[in-house]
Amino acid sequence: MFSSGLDLGSGEQYVFIVRAKNYAGIKVEAISDGFTVDFTPPTEGNVWIGTPNMPVSYQSDSSKVVVR
C-alpha cells in the first residue's frame, strides 16, 4: 500500500517518533509503543453506543465507543 509517501508492509510493526523544539530551544521527543499494519478488510458487525442490553441515544464519553 502506498499512501501519503508511506510504503507500509502488512504484518510489519512501526513506531511513531515525534520531535519538537520550542522558541527557547528546548527539545522533546515522544515515541509510540508501536503498531502493526494489517490490510485485512474488517468483518461486518454492529456498533453500539452504550451496551447491547442498555442502549443510549447519545454518547457523553468521547474517549471510547463500545464495538461488538
Protein backbone atom coordinates (compact mmCIF):
# COMPACT_ATOMS: atom_id res chain seq x y z
CA MET A 1 0.00 0.00 0.00
CA PHE A 2 1.23 3.46 -0.80
CA SER A 3 -0.34 6.49 0.85
CA SER A 4 0.98 9.98 1.54
CA GLY A 5 4.57 8.95 0.86
CA LEU A 6 4.43 5.89 3.13
CA ASP A 7 5.10 2.39 1.86
CA LEU A 8 3.84 0.22 4.71
CA GLY A 9 4.07 -3.55 4.74
CA SER A 10 1.22 -5.71 6.02
CA GLY A 11 2.23 -7.53 9.20
CA GLU A 12 5.13 -5.14 9.84
CA GLN A 13 5.48 -3.22 13.11
CA TYR A 14 6.14 0.53 13.12
CA VAL A 15 6.52 3.28 15.71
CA PHE A 16 5.77 7.00 15.64
CA ILE A 17 8.53 9.36 16.71
CA VAL A 18 7.57 12.97 17.31
CA ARG A 19 10.23 15.60 17.94
CA ALA A 20 9.51 19.20 18.88
CA LYS A 21 11.53 22.29 19.74
CA ASN A 22 10.15 25.49 21.22
CA TYR A 23 11.38 29.06 20.70
CA ALA A 24 13.69 28.73 23.73
CA GLY A 25 15.44 25.83 22.02
CA ILE A 26 14.11 23.20 24.43
CA LYS A 27 13.65 19.88 22.63
CA VAL A 28 11.41 16.95 23.49
CA GLU A 29 10.84 13.58 21.86
CA ALA A 30 7.95 11.12 22.23
CA ILE A 31 7.91 7.57 20.87
CA SER A 32 4.78 5.44 20.49
CA ASP A 33 4.67 1.87 21.76
CA GLY A 34 4.26 0.69 18.19
CA PHE A 35 1.54 -0.59 15.91
CA THR A 36 1.24 -3.43 13.41
CA VAL A 37 -0.14 -2.79 9.94
CA ASP A 38 -2.98 -5.10 8.89
CA PHE A 39 -4.53 -4.71 5.43
CA THR A 40 -7.12 -7.44 6.07
CA PRO A 41 -10.59 -5.96 5.48
CA PRO A 42 -12.77 -5.84 8.60
CA THR A 43 -15.68 -8.20 9.03
CA GLU A 44 -19.18 -6.75 9.15
CA GLY A 45 -20.54 -6.14 12.64
CA ASN A 46 -22.60 -3.84 14.82
CA VAL A 47 -21.67 -0.63 16.59
CA TRP A 48 -23.37 0.06 19.92
CA ILE A 49 -23.39 3.31 21.83
CA GLY A 50 -23.51 2.01 25.39
CA THR A 51 -24.01 -1.74 25.79
CA PRO A 52 -26.34 -4.12 23.92
CA ASN A 53 -28.64 -4.53 26.93
CA MET A 54 -28.61 -0.80 27.78
CA PRO A 55 -28.53 1.27 24.56
CA VAL A 56 -28.41 5.06 24.79
CA SER A 57 -29.41 7.75 22.32
CA TYR A 58 -26.31 9.87 22.85
CA GLN A 59 -22.68 9.46 23.91
CA SER A 60 -21.35 11.66 26.70
CA ASP A 61 -17.93 9.97 26.94
CA SER A 62 -15.84 10.98 23.93
CA SER A 63 -12.92 8.75 24.98
CA LYS A 64 -14.50 5.41 23.96
CA VAL A 65 -17.09 3.65 21.86
CA VAL A 66 -18.22 0.10 22.59
CA VAL A 67 -17.92 -2.04 19.46
CA ARG A 68 -19.15 -5.65 19.38
